[in-house]
Structure formats: structure tokens, C-alpha cells
Amino acid sequence: MTSGRLKQVNIVLLCAYFATCAYLWKRLPARLPFHFGASGRADYAPSTPVLWFAPPCVAVAVSALMYGLCSYAAANPQTWNTLRARELPDSGESAQTG
């Protein structure tokens, strides 16, 4: 798959994630238990929109961060600590055991 095609697939999957959350949100209760204490009773139940839409928002933020870092790395390879092809050892100069 090409890079452009992968970006399109990623955007479609993120949109599907949001659409599924929006569709299912109508069926959820007003508050969802999120944390349970030692007794087994819910001791933290945030409002449904906060809990339900936080994971898709985090997914979008992480995707944007990774896309930005990869774009920056491709545009500025000199800023990353990587070996260039001419700096790689020849196959005859493999690491010596000793």
C-alpha cells in the first residue's frame, strides 16, 4: 500500500470510530461506572460524554502526533540520529567477537 492510501485508510477508520461512538451514545446511561473499589462497588462514574468520547479523541491526537513526527523526520533527516548508507560498515567489516 502506498503512503497516501494508508493515510486515507487511517482517516476512514478514525471517522468510523467516531461515528460508532456517536451512534451507540444514545443507548448508554447518563453515567458509566469507570472505577470499582475493593468492595466491588463503583466509586467513580464520570458523565457519559467524557468517558465515551475520550478514547476517540486520544486516538486522533496520537495519530496527528505520529503523522507530524513522521512528516518532520522525512523532511529533516539530518535531525535524527541515524546512519547513512555510506556510514554503514561493509559486510567484511562485521563486528569482531572477542
Protein backbone atom coordinates (compact mmCIF):
# COMPACT_ATOMS: atom_id res chain seq x y z
CA MET A 1 0.00 0.00 0.00
CA THR A 2 1.22 3.47 -0.75
CA SER A 3 1.66 6.16 1.89
CA GLY A 4 -1.29 8.17 0.57
CA ARG A 5 -3.53 5.13 0.64
CA LEU A 6 -2.54 4.36 4.25
CA LYS A 7 -3.41 7.93 5.27
CA GLN A 8 -6.83 7.56 3.68
CA VAL A 9 -7.45 4.25 5.45
CA ASN A 10 -6.38 5.79 8.77
CA ILE A 11 -8.75 8.74 8.33
CA VAL A 12 -11.63 6.44 7.38
CA LEU A 13 -11.01 4.26 10.45
CA LEU A 14 -10.90 7.28 12.76
CA CYS A 15 -14.14 8.61 11.28
CA ALA A 16 -15.75 5.18 11.69
CA TYR A 17 -14.60 5.12 15.32
CA PHE A 18 -16.28 8.49 15.98
CA ALA A 19 -19.42 7.50 14.06
CA THR A 20 -19.76 4.26 16.05
CA CYS A 21 -19.34 6.13 19.35
CA ALA A 22 -21.92 8.71 18.30
CA TYR A 23 -24.38 6.01 17.19
CA LEU A 24 -24.06 3.98 20.38
CA TRP A 25 -24.08 7.02 22.68
CA LYS A 26 -27.90 7.27 22.52
CA ARG A 27 -28.16 3.80 24.05
CA LEU A 28 -25.87 4.49 27.04
CA PRO A 29 -26.93 5.55 30.53
CA ALA A 30 -26.22 9.08 31.77
CA ARG A 31 -23.24 7.89 33.82
CA LEU A 32 -20.94 4.94 33.24
CA PRO A 33 -19.04 3.32 36.13
CA PHE A 34 -15.34 3.63 35.45
CA HIS A 35 -13.55 2.57 38.61
CA PHE A 36 -14.54 -0.04 41.16
CA GLY A 37 -13.28 -0.18 44.73
CA ALA A 38 -12.21 -3.24 46.71
CA SER A 39 -15.82 -3.87 47.72
CA GLY A 40 -16.83 -4.19 44.07
CA ARG A 41 -18.96 -1.05 44.10
CA ALA A 42 -18.42 1.72 41.57
CA ASP A 43 -16.65 4.65 43.22
CA TYR A 44 -16.11 6.78 40.12
CA ALA A 45 -18.66 7.31 37.36
CA PRO A 46 -17.95 10.26 35.07
CA SER A 47 -20.55 11.59 32.69
CA THR A 48 -21.05 9.51 29.57
CA PRO A 49 -19.72 12.06 27.03
CA VAL A 50 -16.41 12.42 28.89
CA LEU A 51 -15.82 8.70 29.20
CA TRP A 52 -17.26 7.69 25.85
CA PHE A 53 -15.55 10.24 23.61
CA ALA A 54 -12.18 10.39 25.35
CA PRO A 55 -10.69 7.30 23.59
CA PRO A 56 -11.51 8.51 20.05
CA CYS A 57 -10.10 11.95 20.88
CA VAL A 58 -6.91 10.36 22.19
CA ALA A 59 -6.71 8.22 19.03
CA VAL A 60 -6.95 11.32 16.85
CA ALA A 61 -4.32 13.14 18.94
CA VAL A 62 -1.89 10.22 18.78
CA SER A 63 -2.45 9.82 15.02
CA ALA A 64 -1.84 13.53 14.45
CA LEU A 65 1.30 13.44 16.59
CA MET A 66 2.70 10.40 14.76
CA TYR A 67 1.86 11.89 11.37
CA GLY A 68 3.53 15.16 12.33
CA LEU A 69 6.66 13.46 13.67
CA CYS A 70 6.96 11.22 10.61
CA SER A 71 6.48 14.17 8.26
CA TYR A 72 9.11 16.17 10.14
CA ALA A 73 11.54 13.23 10.10
CA ALA A 74 11.09 12.75 6.36
CA ALA A 75 11.62 16.45 5.67
CA ASN A 76 14.60 16.82 8.04
CA PRO A 77 16.56 13.56 8.16
CA GLN A 78 19.65 15.35 9.49
CA THR A 79 17.94 15.95 12.85
CA TRP A 80 17.64 12.24 13.64
CA ASN A 81 20.47 10.07 14.86
CA THR A 82 20.54 7.54 12.05
CA LEU A 83 23.34 6.08 9.99
CA ARG A 84 23.58 6.98 6.36
CA ALA A 85 24.20 4.22 3.84
CA ARG A 86 27.79 5.34 3.28
CA GLU A 87 28.48 5.15 7.05
CA LEU A 88 27.37 1.54 7.40
CA PRO A 89 30.19 -1.00 7.73
CA ASP A 90 30.88 -3.27 4.79
CA SER A 91 29.87 -6.89 5.11
CA GLY A 92 33.59 -7.81 5.51
CA GLU A 93 33.88 -5.46 8.49
CA SER A 94 31.33 -7.17 10.69
CA ALA A 95 31.60 -6.87 14.44
CA GLN A 96 34.55 -8.78 15.82
CA THR A 97 34.00 -11.30 18.56
CA GLY A 98 36.38 -11.12 21.28
